[in-house]
């Protein structure tokens, strides 16, 4: 129990209590600012907005603030427009809720979608009065601005080290799996061991997904961060390494599938002898070279001073892999000369090994360009452009008679 509480409070890459302190400070400051500006007698909406806006990273805080402001403004405008002509009735309430949800989805407001109808209903309940409507907008702006300012002054950490550590763990687990697969070939191969190794290979996909999420968090932490310059070189290197490891994982899984398929092309009683001792030993040596190459990938992705030396070491291991693969191909060719039907399975095995070598080489390739963050509201801008384009297209499709003004 204590270990679980400790892991929840002290996660790797996070400063203990940082988000709690920032959120509390933002809520208090936003309330004080709203009181000073006399937005309302009890401006609780400002600290409420600050609570929802402050996130772990600067990007998440800015994006959350913009989405919340957009949702409140959209809801207020809808409610004021309806209240001006109708007022609060059962059908006007239904119209406001439906229109708010549609507009919120068109603007891609995400978790703040329900804020649009909530704001609209609260303003509609007071008859669309200008004072309460503007107060709601002002307090939302104050809370969002204070939340962003607090996160700017108390800068969120860059999650580069956790991302680098996760890639190191992923590379080590993949290297350990390849070594285990090589040892299994040396101990004896069977249909049962093939099934077991394929299941273990598939479980590596969870580690790949975890690494991808960790790197995505590191990218978000660098957006709008005052220390983002530290990430411009690290993030492309980490992304290149992760992409290469993802593709390497796919080749490992396909390799295990090819080894399993081979056992189904022979009678079950012969499944343990589909590869003789000489071929098994040669394949095990190829996998050992691949494991050694993958094991040095983390030195390159971590960005240490020894990364150039590590690239040379990876290239040397890959050259050894290629040499051992050629020796394996000669042995498989001799075996296939006696039974040509087996060459299709042997060809698939060799193809997987070639792809693995290429993908491991890609993990340590220098990135071609530096990292540049995408716009924070790109989805909303794209949605607005689509709505505008649809409106213009509909206007062009109207008959000319309808667009021509009537003559008196």
Protein backbone atom coordinates (compact mmCIF):
# COMPACT_ATOMS: atom_id res chain seq x y z
CA UNK A 1 0.00 0.00 0.00
CA UNK A 2 2.76 2.45 0.91
CA UNK A 3 4.60 1.64 -2.31
CA UNK A 4 1.50 2.39 -4.36
CA UNK A 5 0.96 5.71 -2.57
CA UNK A 6 4.61 6.63 -3.08
CA UNK A 7 4.45 5.82 -6.81
CA UNK A 8 1.28 7.91 -7.16
CA UNK A 9 2.76 10.92 -5.40
CA UNK A 10 6.31 10.74 -6.74
CA UNK A 11 6.06 9.82 -10.41
CA UNK A 12 9.22 9.85 -12.46
CA UNK A 13 9.82 13.17 -14.17
CA UNK A 14 7.48 15.14 -11.91
CA UNK A 15 8.32 17.48 -9.06
CA UNK A 16 6.28 16.38 -6.02
CA UNK A 17 3.48 18.82 -5.24
CA UNK A 18 4.24 21.13 -8.18
CA UNK A 19 0.85 20.88 -9.85
CA UNK A 20 -0.99 21.13 -6.52
CA UNK A 21 0.90 24.29 -5.60
CA UNK A 22 0.38 25.87 -9.03
CA UNK A 23 -3.33 25.06 -9.11
CA UNK A 24 -3.91 26.45 -5.61
CA UNK A 25 -1.94 29.60 -6.37
CA UNK A 26 -3.78 30.15 -9.64
CA UNK A 27 -7.18 29.73 -8.00
CA UNK A 28 -6.38 32.19 -5.20
CA UNK A 29 -4.83 34.79 -7.51
CA UNK A 30 -7.69 34.61 -10.00
CA UNK A 31 -10.21 35.17 -7.20
CA UNK A 32 -8.26 38.16 -5.90
CA UNK A 33 -7.96 39.68 -9.38
CA UNK A 34 -11.66 39.15 -10.11
CA UNK A 35 -12.57 40.78 -6.78
CA UNK A 36 -10.33 43.72 -7.56
CA UNK A 37 -11.99 44.21 -10.93
CA UNK A 38 -15.47 43.99 -9.33
CA UNK A 39 -16.75 41.47 -11.87
CA UNK A 40 -19.40 40.16 -9.45
CA UNK A 41 -20.01 40.02 -5.67
CA UNK A 42 -18.69 36.42 -5.49
CA UNK A 43 -16.48 35.77 -8.54
CA UNK A 44 -16.07 32.02 -8.01
CA UNK A 45 -16.07 31.34 -11.75
CA UNK A 46 -12.56 32.79 -12.05
CA UNK A 47 -10.91 30.31 -9.60
CA UNK A 48 -13.05 27.53 -11.05
CA UNK A 49 -11.65 28.28 -14.49
CA UNK A 50 -8.13 28.40 -13.09
CA UNK A 51 -8.62 24.98 -11.49
CA UNK A 52 -9.68 23.49 -14.82
CA UNK A 53 -7.07 25.31 -16.89
CA UNK A 54 -3.83 24.59 -15.00
CA UNK A 55 -2.31 21.39 -16.38
CA UNK A 56 1.03 19.60 -16.18
CA UNK A 57 2.47 21.24 -19.29
CA UNK A 58 2.36 24.75 -20.68
CA UNK A 59 0.79 23.55 -23.92
CA UNK A 60 -2.02 21.74 -22.12
CA UNK A 61 -2.65 24.84 -20.01
CA UNK A 62 -2.83 27.19 -23.01
CA UNK A 63 -4.96 24.77 -25.02
CA UNK A 64 -7.31 24.19 -22.09
CA UNK A 65 -7.61 27.93 -21.48
CA UNK A 66 -8.42 28.70 -25.09
CA UNK A 67 -10.98 25.89 -25.29
CA UNK A 68 -12.69 26.99 -22.10
CA UNK A 69 -12.85 30.63 -23.18
CA UNK A 70 -14.21 29.60 -26.57
CA UNK A 71 -16.85 27.37 -24.97
CA UNK A 72 -18.04 30.07 -22.56
CA UNK A 73 -18.14 32.78 -25.23
CA UNK A 74 -20.02 30.50 -27.63
CA UNK A 75 -22.55 29.54 -24.98
CA UNK A 76 -23.09 33.15 -23.90
CA UNK A 77 -23.59 34.35 -27.47
CA UNK A 78 -26.12 31.62 -28.19
CA UNK A 79 -28.05 32.32 -24.98
CA UNK A 80 -28.09 36.10 -25.49
CA UNK A 81 -29.32 35.67 -29.04
CA UNK A 82 -32.15 33.35 -28.05
CA UNK A 83 -33.12 35.31 -24.91
CA UNK A 84 -33.38 38.52 -26.92
CA UNK A 85 -36.15 37.08 -29.08
CA UNK A 86 -37.79 34.33 -27.02
CA UNK A 87 -36.77 34.02 -23.38
CA UNK A 88 -36.71 30.86 -21.30
CA UNK A 89 -39.20 28.19 -22.41
CA UNK A 90 -38.98 24.44 -22.70
CA UNK A 91 -38.39 24.54 -26.44
CA UNK A 92 -35.93 27.45 -26.34
CA UNK A 93 -33.95 25.55 -23.71
CA UNK A 94 -33.87 22.48 -25.97
CA UNK A 95 -32.83 24.59 -28.93
CA UNK A 96 -30.03 26.24 -26.94
CA UNK A 97 -28.68 22.90 -25.69
CA UNK A 98 -28.78 21.30 -29.15
CA UNK A 99 -27.21 24.32 -30.86
CA UNK A 100 -24.51 24.56 -28.17
CA UNK A 101 -23.55 20.90 -28.52
CA UNK A 102 -23.41 21.14 -32.32
CA UNK A 103 -21.24 24.27 -32.25
CA UNK A 104 -19.00 22.75 -29.57
CA UNK A 105 -18.41 19.67 -31.70
CA UNK A 106 -17.72 21.76 -34.79
CA UNK A 107 -15.11 23.71 -32.83
CA UNK A 108 -13.52 20.47 -31.45
CA UNK A 109 -13.76 21.68 -27.85
CA UNK A 110 -13.07 18.22 -26.46
CA UNK A 111 -13.53 17.96 -22.69
CA UNK A 112 -14.93 21.49 -22.60
CA UNK A 113 -17.83 20.60 -24.90
CA UNK A 114 -20.44 20.59 -22.13
CA UNK A 115 -19.32 24.02 -20.98
CA UNK A 116 -21.07 25.54 -24.00
CA UNK A 117 -24.63 24.43 -23.09
CA UNK A 118 -23.94 24.99 -19.37
CA UNK A 119 -22.93 28.60 -19.98
CA UNK A 120 -25.85 29.09 -22.33
CA UNK A 121 -28.40 27.74 -19.84
CA UNK A 122 -27.05 29.84 -16.96
CA UNK A 123 -27.24 33.01 -19.04
CA UNK A 124 -30.64 32.06 -20.44
CA UNK A 125 -31.94 31.56 -16.89
CA UNK A 126 -31.31 35.25 -16.08
CA UNK A 127 -33.06 36.33 -19.26
CA UNK A 128 -29.91 36.95 -21.26
CA UNK A 129 -29.09 40.04 -19.22
CA UNK A 130 -25.94 41.76 -20.40
CA UNK A 131 -24.41 42.12 -16.93
CA UNK A 132 -24.37 38.43 -15.88
CA UNK A 133 -23.37 37.37 -19.40
CA UNK A 134 -20.37 39.71 -19.49
CA UNK A 135 -19.42 38.81 -15.91
CA UNK A 136 -19.25 35.16 -16.88
CA UNK A 137 -17.01 35.95 -19.84
CA UNK A 138 -14.78 38.31 -17.82
CA UNK A 139 -14.29 35.82 -14.98
CA UNK A 140 -13.50 33.04 -17.44
CA UNK A 141 -10.90 35.24 -19.13
CA UNK A 142 -9.39 36.16 -15.75
CA UNK A 143 -9.19 32.53 -14.61
CA UNK A 144 -7.66 31.37 -17.90
CA UNK A 145 -5.15 34.25 -18.01
CA UNK A 146 -4.05 33.73 -14.40
CA UNK A 147 -3.71 29.98 -14.96
CA UNK A 148 -1.49 30.52 -17.99
CA UNK A 149 0.55 33.19 -16.18
CA UNK A 150 1.17 30.95 -13.16
CA UNK A 151 2.27 28.10 -15.40
CA UNK A 152 4.56 30.49 -17.25
CA UNK A 153 6.21 31.87 -14.11
CA UNK A 154 6.46 28.46 -12.43
CA UNK A 155 7.56 26.69 -15.60
CA UNK A 156 6.40 23.13 -16.07
CA UNK A 157 9.22 20.59 -16.33
CA UNK A 158 10.42 19.17 -19.62
CA UNK A 159 9.71 15.45 -19.73
CA UNK A 160 12.74 14.67 -21.87
CA UNK A 161 14.49 12.47 -19.33
CA UNK A 162 11.45 10.23 -18.69
CA UNK A 163 11.04 9.83 -22.45
CA UNK A 164 14.71 8.94 -22.84
CA UNK A 165 14.50 6.47 -19.95
CA UNK A 166 11.41 4.84 -21.47
CA UNK A 167 13.19 4.37 -24.81
CA UNK A 168 16.14 2.86 -22.97
CA UNK A 169 13.84 0.39 -21.21
CA UNK A 170 12.13 -0.47 -24.49
CA UNK A 171 15.44 -1.12 -26.25
CA UNK A 172 16.66 -3.26 -23.34
CA UNK A 173 13.46 -5.33 -23.29
CA UNK A 174 13.66 -5.89 -27.04
CA UNK A 175 17.31 -6.90 -26.77
CA UNK A 176 16.51 -9.26 -23.88
CA UNK A 177 13.71 -10.82 -25.91
CA UNK A 178 16.02 -11.44 -28.87
CA UNK A 179 18.59 -13.06 -26.58
CA UNK A 180 15.88 -15.20 -25.00
CA UNK A 181 14.70 -16.23 -28.46
CA UNK A 182 18.27 -17.16 -29.40
CA UNK A 183 18.67 -19.22 -26.22
CA UNK A 184 15.37 -20.98 -26.90
CA UNK A 185 16.58 -21.96 -30.37
CA UNK A 186 19.71 -23.42 -28.83
CA UNK A 187 17.76 -25.42 -26.26
CA UNK A 188 15.39 -26.87 -28.82
CA UNK A 189 12.54 -25.64 -30.94
CA UNK A 190 8.95 -26.85 -30.91
CA UNK A 191 5.48 -25.73 -31.83
CA UNK A 192 4.77 -24.95 -28.18
CA UNK A 193 7.87 -22.80 -27.79
CA UNK A 194 6.98 -21.02 -31.05
CA UNK A 195 3.53 -20.15 -29.70
CA UNK A 196 4.98 -18.97 -26.42
CA UNK A 197 7.60 -16.74 -28.03
CA UNK A 198 5.05 -15.22 -30.40
CA UNK A 199 2.82 -14.32 -27.44
CA UNK A 200 5.77 -12.69 -25.68
CA UNK A 201 6.63 -10.76 -28.85
CA UNK A 202 3.08 -9.43 -29.08
CA UNK A 203 3.23 -8.24 -25.48
CA UNK A 204 6.13 -6.00 -26.44
CA UNK A 205 3.52 -3.90 -28.23
CA UNK A 206 2.31 -2.61 -24.84
CA UNK A 207 5.82 -1.34 -24.13
CA UNK A 208 5.91 0.38 -27.51
CA UNK A 209 2.58 2.10 -26.82
CA UNK A 210 3.83 3.24 -23.40
CA UNK A 211 6.96 4.72 -24.97
CA UNK A 212 4.87 6.51 -27.58
CA UNK A 213 2.65 8.08 -24.90
CA UNK A 214 5.68 9.15 -22.87
CA UNK A 215 7.31 10.80 -25.87
CA UNK A 216 4.04 12.53 -26.77
CA UNK A 217 3.96 13.98 -23.25
CA UNK A 218 7.54 15.19 -23.68
CA UNK A 219 6.58 16.92 -26.92
CA UNK A 220 3.62 18.60 -25.24
CA UNK A 221 5.80 19.70 -22.33
CA UNK A 222 8.12 21.55 -24.74
CA UNK A 223 5.36 23.56 -26.41
CA UNK A 224 5.18 27.12 -25.00
CA UNK A 225 7.80 26.16 -22.44
CA UNK A 226 10.47 28.83 -21.74
CA UNK A 227 13.09 26.09 -21.82
CA UNK A 228 11.92 24.66 -25.13
CA UNK A 229 15.34 25.26 -26.70
CA UNK A 230 16.63 22.22 -24.82
CA UNK A 231 14.09 20.05 -26.65
CA UNK A 232 14.77 21.15 -30.25
CA UNK A 233 17.60 18.67 -30.67
CA UNK A 234 16.47 16.00 -28.23
CA UNK A 235 12.92 15.45 -29.48
CA UNK A 236 13.81 14.65 -33.13
CA UNK A 237 16.46 12.20 -31.91
CA UNK A 238 13.98 10.54 -29.54
CA UNK A 239 11.26 10.40 -32.19
CA UNK A 240 13.66 8.87 -34.74
CA UNK A 241 14.73 6.27 -32.20
CA UNK A 242 11.17 5.40 -31.20
CA UNK A 243 10.01 5.12 -34.81
CA UNK A 244 12.87 2.76 -35.56
CA UNK A 245 12.14 0.68 -32.46
CA UNK A 246 8.44 0.51 -33.38
CA UNK A 247 9.32 -0.86 -36.81
CA UNK A 248 11.87 -3.21 -35.26
CA UNK A 249 9.16 -4.54 -32.97
CA UNK A 250 6.98 -5.28 -36.01
CA UNK A 251 9.82 -7.23 -37.64
CA UNK A 252 10.42 -9.19 -34.43
CA UNK A 253 6.77 -10.13 -34.28
CA UNK A 254 6.79 -11.14 -37.95
CA UNK A 255 9.94 -13.16 -37.36
CA UNK A 256 8.28 -15.10 -34.55
CA UNK A 257 5.28 -15.64 -36.79
CA UNK A 258 7.53 -17.06 -39.53
CA UNK A 259 9.16 -19.41 -37.03
CA UNK A 260 5.75 -20.57 -35.87
CA UNK A 261 4.43 -21.00 -39.41
CA UNK A 262 7.36 -23.21 -40.27
CA UNK A 263 6.31 -25.72 -37.58
CA UNK A 264 2.87 -26.04 -39.22
CA UNK A 265 4.32 -27.08 -42.58
CA UNK A 266 5.53 -30.35 -41.16
CA UNK A 267 3.73 -33.11 -39.23
CA UNK A 268 3.29 -32.35 -35.54
CA UNK A 269 5.68 -35.12 -34.51
CA UNK A 270 8.41 -33.42 -36.61
CA UNK A 271 7.75 -29.87 -35.40
CA UNK A 272 10.74 -30.01 -33.07
CA UNK A 273 13.15 -30.83 -35.89
CA UNK A 274 12.19 -28.27 -38.54
CA UNK A 275 15.62 -26.69 -38.00
CA UNK A 276 18.63 -28.87 -37.49
CA UNK A 277 21.28 -28.02 -34.92
CA UNK A 278 23.51 -26.22 -37.41
CA UNK A 279 20.71 -23.98 -38.69
CA UNK A 280 19.44 -23.28 -35.16
CA UNK A 281 22.90 -22.26 -34.00
CA UNK A 282 23.37 -20.00 -37.03
CA UNK A 283 20.00 -18.33 -36.48
CA UNK A 284 20.77 -17.89 -32.78
CA UNK A 285 24.01 -16.09 -33.69
CA UNK A 286 22.07 -13.74 -35.99
CA UNK A 287 19.65 -12.93 -33.19
CA UNK A 288 22.50 -12.37 -30.75
CA UNK A 289 24.03 -9.80 -33.12
CA UNK A 290 20.63 -8.10 -33.47
CA UNK A 291 20.23 -7.99 -29.69
CA UNK A 292 23.68 -6.43 -29.28
CA UNK A 293 22.83 -3.78 -31.89
CA UNK A 294 19.49 -2.93 -30.25
CA UNK A 295 21.19 -2.74 -26.87
CA UNK A 296 23.38 0.16 -28.06
CA UNK A 297 20.48 2.16 -29.50
CA UNK A 298 19.66 3.77 -26.14
CA UNK A 299 23.11 5.38 -25.97
CA UNK A 300 22.37 7.19 -29.23
CA UNK A 301 18.84 8.28 -28.32
CA UNK A 302 19.89 9.52 -24.87
CA UNK A 303 22.08 12.21 -26.46
CA UNK A 304 25.17 11.55 -24.37
CA UNK A 305 28.64 12.43 -25.55
CA UNK A 306 29.24 8.78 -26.52
CA UNK A 307 26.46 8.69 -29.12
CA UNK A 308 28.87 8.83 -32.07
CA UNK A 309 30.80 5.91 -30.63
CA UNK A 310 27.50 4.09 -30.07
CA UNK A 311 26.50 4.63 -33.72
CA UNK A 312 29.76 3.06 -34.81
CA UNK A 313 29.15 0.15 -32.45
CA UNK A 314 25.61 -0.35 -33.79
CA UNK A 315 26.95 -0.33 -37.36
CA UNK A 316 29.57 -2.89 -36.41
CA UNK A 317 26.96 -5.17 -34.84
CA UNK A 318 24.73 -4.79 -37.89
CA UNK A 319 27.61 -5.71 -40.18
CA UNK A 320 28.12 -8.82 -38.07
CA UNK A 321 24.40 -9.52 -38.29
CA UNK A 322 24.53 -9.24 -42.09
CA UNK A 323 27.52 -11.59 -42.25
CA UNK A 324 25.85 -14.19 -40.04
CA UNK A 325 22.63 -13.83 -42.00
CA UNK A 326 24.50 -14.74 -45.21
CA UNK A 327 25.91 -17.84 -43.54
CA UNK A 328 22.40 -18.78 -42.42
CA UNK A 329 21.09 -18.25 -45.95
CA UNK A 330 23.71 -20.68 -47.32
CA UNK A 331 22.61 -23.34 -44.84
CA UNK A 332 18.93 -22.79 -45.64
CA UNK A 333 19.67 -22.90 -49.35
CA UNK A 334 21.35 -26.29 -48.96
CA UNK A 335 18.34 -27.55 -47.03
CA UNK A 336 15.89 -26.15 -49.60
CA UNK A 337 17.76 -27.79 -52.48
CA UNK A 338 16.57 -31.14 -51.16
CA UNK A 339 13.01 -29.91 -50.55
CA UNK A 340 12.12 -26.87 -52.67
CA UNK A 341 8.74 -26.49 -50.93
CA UNK A 342 10.53 -25.20 -47.82
CA UNK A 343 12.16 -22.26 -49.60
CA UNK A 344 9.07 -20.08 -49.24
CA UNK A 345 9.24 -20.36 -45.44
CA UNK A 346 13.00 -19.85 -45.42
CA UNK A 347 12.64 -16.83 -47.67
CA UNK A 348 10.13 -15.24 -45.29
CA UNK A 349 12.55 -15.81 -42.39
CA UNK A 350 15.46 -14.19 -44.24
CA UNK A 351 13.28 -11.27 -45.32
CA UNK A 352 12.32 -10.61 -41.69
CA UNK A 353 15.98 -10.62 -40.69
CA UNK A 354 16.84 -8.17 -43.48
CA UNK A 355 14.05 -5.84 -42.45
CA UNK A 356 15.15 -6.02 -38.83
CA UNK A 357 18.66 -4.96 -39.79
CA UNK A 358 17.33 -2.01 -41.80
CA UNK A 359 15.00 -0.85 -39.05
CA UNK A 360 17.67 -1.07 -36.33
CA UNK A 361 19.94 1.02 -38.54
CA UNK A 362 17.15 3.61 -38.89
CA UNK A 363 16.88 4.04 -35.10
CA UNK A 364 20.36 5.62 -34.87
CA UNK A 365 20.11 7.71 -38.04
CA UNK A 366 20.69 11.44 -37.35
CA UNK A 367 17.40 13.38 -37.59
CA UNK A 368 16.99 15.48 -40.70
CA UNK A 369 15.39 18.55 -39.09
CA UNK A 370 14.87 20.20 -35.74
CA UNK A 371 11.63 19.98 -33.81
CA UNK A 372 8.97 22.61 -34.39
CA UNK A 373 5.75 22.64 -32.38
CA UNK A 374 2.48 22.69 -34.34
CA UNK A 375 -0.06 25.49 -33.70
CA UNK A 376 -1.99 25.08 -30.46
CA UNK A 377 -5.44 25.57 -32.02
CA UNK A 378 -4.80 23.93 -35.38
CA UNK A 379 -7.87 21.67 -35.11
CA UNK A 380 -10.15 24.63 -34.33
CA UNK A 381 -8.69 26.69 -37.18
CA UNK A 382 -9.17 23.80 -39.57
CA UNK A 383 -12.78 23.37 -38.42
CA UNK A 384 -13.51 27.07 -38.97
CA UNK A 385 -11.97 26.91 -42.45
CA UNK A 386 -14.13 23.90 -43.29
CA UNK A 387 -17.29 25.66 -42.08
CA UNK A 388 -16.41 28.78 -44.07
CA UNK A 389 -15.65 26.76 -47.20
CA UNK A 390 -18.94 24.87 -46.89
CA UNK A 391 -20.85 28.14 -46.54
CA UNK A 392 -19.18 29.62 -49.64
CA UNK A 393 -19.84 26.46 -51.63
CA UNK A 394 -23.51 26.49 -50.64
CA UNK A 395 -23.78 30.14 -51.66
CA UNK A 396 -22.32 29.36 -55.09
CA UNK A 397 -24.79 26.53 -55.60
CA UNK A 398 -27.87 28.71 -55.02
CA UNK A 399 -29.83 29.49 -58.19
CA UNK A 400 -29.03 32.83 -59.78
CA UNK A 401 -32.67 33.84 -59.58
CA UNK A 402 -32.54 33.65 -55.80
CA UNK A 403 -29.38 35.77 -55.60
CA UNK A 404 -30.64 38.43 -58.07
CA UNK A 405 -32.33 41.35 -56.27
CA UNK A 406 -35.91 42.01 -57.16
CA UNK A 407 -36.70 45.02 -59.29
CA UNK A 408 -39.23 47.48 -58.00
